[in-house]
């Protein structure tokens, strides 16, 4: 046994050498606060919006439906955080939820992912709202919305009793 057991423990190889969520660690509270208030870059906004546009144009799989459902849930989380919120935003989110519900019911019954024109229009309005919310939100608000999205997924996977 060496004089420094902590060092020996650190040097042991684990089965997963890469951490699950690698990110920079800041010890200064001011740096942490400043990073939470920064806005998303244009590239981040463009890539997120691009994923939603791809899901709308290639709407033929369950993955596209899940991407759009995630977008609805993120927009709802942003609205709860008062980012792009208001009665009109609430209506856009509600209509998009109804459109996705109707599309999913149609898929369960007929096996097709087709949408009616009003459902497609509701999802296009959702895309516009989500784009505005992404431009207006800070990194802290974005991470909070992503956390609520992940928490909702975990809640949905929990078995019913």
Protein backbone atom coordinates (compact mmCIF):
# COMPACT_ATOMS: atom_id res chain seq x y z
CA UNK A 1 0.00 0.00 0.00
CA UNK A 2 1.40 3.36 -0.92
CA UNK A 3 1.31 6.49 1.14
CA UNK A 4 -1.20 8.11 -1.23
CA UNK A 5 -4.19 5.78 -1.78
CA UNK A 6 -6.20 8.51 -3.51
CA UNK A 7 -3.60 8.75 -6.27
CA UNK A 8 -3.68 5.00 -6.79
CA UNK A 9 -7.46 5.06 -6.99
CA UNK A 10 -7.30 7.89 -9.55
CA UNK A 11 -4.86 5.96 -11.72
CA UNK A 12 -7.10 2.89 -11.99
CA UNK A 13 -8.60 2.42 -15.43
CA UNK A 14 -12.37 2.41 -15.44
CA UNK A 15 -14.59 0.74 -17.98
CA UNK A 16 -15.79 4.16 -19.20
CA UNK A 17 -12.81 6.53 -19.44
CA UNK A 18 -14.84 9.35 -21.05
CA UNK A 19 -17.17 11.24 -18.71
CA UNK A 20 -20.86 11.16 -19.62
CA UNK A 21 -21.16 14.94 -19.95
CA UNK A 22 -17.76 16.54 -20.62
CA UNK A 23 -17.88 20.28 -20.10
CA UNK A 24 -15.58 22.91 -18.68
CA UNK A 25 -15.61 23.30 -14.93
CA UNK A 26 -15.49 26.82 -13.52
CA UNK A 27 -14.77 27.56 -9.90
CA UNK A 28 -15.46 31.27 -10.14
CA UNK A 29 -19.11 32.19 -9.48
CA UNK A 30 -18.84 35.22 -11.75
CA UNK A 31 -17.73 33.08 -14.71
CA UNK A 32 -20.58 30.63 -14.07
CA UNK A 33 -23.15 33.45 -13.92
CA UNK A 34 -21.77 35.12 -17.05
CA UNK A 35 -21.94 31.86 -19.02
CA UNK A 36 -25.57 31.34 -17.99
CA UNK A 37 -26.50 34.79 -19.36
CA UNK A 38 -24.80 34.42 -22.75
CA UNK A 39 -27.06 33.94 -25.74
CA UNK A 40 -26.97 31.02 -28.14
CA UNK A 41 -24.75 31.45 -31.16
CA UNK A 42 -26.26 31.83 -34.61
CA UNK A 43 -24.87 28.41 -35.55
CA UNK A 44 -26.61 26.77 -32.58
CA UNK A 45 -29.92 28.41 -33.46
CA UNK A 46 -29.53 27.50 -37.13
CA UNK A 47 -28.76 23.86 -36.37
CA UNK A 48 -31.73 23.50 -34.01
CA UNK A 49 -34.09 25.19 -36.47
CA UNK A 50 -32.64 23.10 -39.29
CA UNK A 51 -33.50 19.91 -37.40
CA UNK A 52 -37.10 21.09 -37.02
CA UNK A 53 -37.33 22.05 -40.70
CA UNK A 54 -35.96 18.66 -41.71
CA UNK A 55 -38.55 16.98 -39.49
CA UNK A 56 -41.32 19.01 -41.12
CA UNK A 57 -40.21 18.36 -44.70
CA UNK A 58 -39.33 14.69 -44.20
CA UNK A 59 -42.31 13.86 -42.00
CA UNK A 60 -42.45 10.13 -42.66
CA UNK A 61 -41.12 8.46 -39.54
CA UNK A 62 -41.60 8.24 -35.83
CA UNK A 63 -38.24 10.01 -35.32
CA UNK A 64 -39.53 13.09 -37.16
CA UNK A 65 -42.65 13.01 -34.98
CA UNK A 66 -40.49 12.77 -31.84
CA UNK A 67 -38.32 15.71 -32.98
CA UNK A 68 -41.42 17.84 -33.46
CA UNK A 69 -42.83 16.71 -30.09
CA UNK A 70 -39.55 17.74 -28.45
CA UNK A 71 -39.83 21.12 -30.17
CA UNK A 72 -43.37 21.61 -28.84
CA UNK A 73 -42.26 20.69 -25.33
CA UNK A 74 -39.24 23.00 -25.50
CA UNK A 75 -41.41 25.87 -26.72
CA UNK A 76 -43.78 25.22 -23.84
CA UNK A 77 -40.85 25.23 -21.38
CA UNK A 78 -39.57 28.51 -22.86
CA UNK A 79 -43.04 30.04 -22.50
CA UNK A 80 -43.15 28.96 -18.83
CA UNK A 81 -39.79 30.75 -18.41
CA UNK A 82 -41.34 33.85 -20.06
CA UNK A 83 -39.24 33.58 -23.22
CA UNK A 84 -41.50 34.21 -26.18
CA UNK A 85 -44.58 33.78 -24.04
CA UNK A 86 -48.08 35.18 -24.11
CA UNK A 87 -51.57 34.18 -25.20
CA UNK A 88 -50.58 33.87 -28.87
CA UNK A 89 -47.60 31.65 -28.01
CA UNK A 90 -49.83 29.49 -25.82
CA UNK A 91 -52.27 29.11 -28.71
CA UNK A 92 -49.47 28.14 -31.13
CA UNK A 93 -48.18 25.50 -28.69
CA UNK A 94 -51.68 24.14 -28.07
CA UNK A 95 -52.48 23.89 -31.80
CA UNK A 96 -49.14 22.17 -32.46
CA UNK A 97 -49.83 19.66 -29.67
CA UNK A 98 -53.26 18.95 -31.13
CA UNK A 99 -51.75 18.53 -34.62
CA UNK A 100 -49.17 16.04 -33.37
CA UNK A 101 -51.81 14.16 -31.40
CA UNK A 102 -54.10 13.90 -34.43
CA UNK A 103 -51.20 12.79 -36.63
CA UNK A 104 -50.19 10.12 -34.15
CA UNK A 105 -53.77 8.86 -33.89
CA UNK A 106 -53.98 8.71 -37.69
CA UNK A 107 -50.73 6.74 -37.80
CA UNK A 108 -52.02 4.27 -35.18
CA UNK A 109 -55.24 3.77 -37.14
CA UNK A 110 -54.09 3.86 -40.79
CA UNK A 111 -50.29 3.47 -40.66
CA UNK A 112 -49.55 6.76 -42.42
CA UNK A 113 -47.85 9.95 -41.18
CA UNK A 114 -49.85 12.31 -43.41
CA UNK A 115 -51.03 15.64 -42.02
CA UNK A 116 -53.96 17.82 -42.90
CA UNK A 117 -53.25 21.36 -44.06
CA UNK A 118 -54.27 23.00 -40.77
CA UNK A 119 -51.97 20.61 -38.85
CA UNK A 120 -49.07 21.42 -41.14
CA UNK A 121 -49.77 25.14 -40.74
CA UNK A 122 -49.84 24.79 -36.94
CA UNK A 123 -46.40 23.13 -37.03
CA UNK A 124 -45.03 25.87 -39.29
CA UNK A 125 -46.24 28.46 -36.78
CA UNK A 126 -44.52 26.43 -34.08
CA UNK A 127 -41.28 26.62 -36.08
CA UNK A 128 -41.56 30.42 -36.22
CA UNK A 129 -42.25 30.65 -32.48
CA UNK A 130 -39.42 28.27 -31.61
CA UNK A 131 -36.98 30.24 -33.79
CA UNK A 132 -37.87 33.48 -32.00
CA UNK A 133 -37.52 31.79 -28.61
CA UNK A 134 -34.09 30.39 -29.48
CA UNK A 135 -32.82 33.80 -30.54
CA UNK A 136 -34.18 35.43 -27.36
CA UNK A 137 -33.14 32.83 -24.77
CA UNK A 138 -29.91 32.68 -22.79
CA UNK A 139 -27.80 29.57 -22.36
CA UNK A 140 -29.18 29.14 -18.84
CA UNK A 141 -32.76 29.25 -20.11
CA UNK A 142 -31.89 26.84 -22.93
CA UNK A 143 -30.34 24.36 -20.49
CA UNK A 144 -33.37 24.66 -18.18
CA UNK A 145 -35.69 23.89 -21.10
CA UNK A 146 -33.56 20.92 -22.11
CA UNK A 147 -33.59 19.65 -18.52
CA UNK A 148 -37.39 19.87 -18.35
CA UNK A 149 -37.53 18.04 -21.69
CA UNK A 150 -35.30 15.25 -20.36
CA UNK A 151 -37.29 15.08 -17.11
CA UNK A 152 -40.48 14.71 -19.15
CA UNK A 153 -38.96 11.87 -21.14
CA UNK A 154 -37.98 10.07 -17.94
CA UNK A 155 -41.48 10.60 -16.57
CA UNK A 156 -43.00 9.17 -19.76
CA UNK A 157 -40.81 6.05 -19.55
CA UNK A 158 -41.92 5.32 -15.99
CA UNK A 159 -44.28 2.29 -15.88
CA UNK A 160 -47.92 2.95 -15.10
CA UNK A 161 -49.44 1.35 -12.00
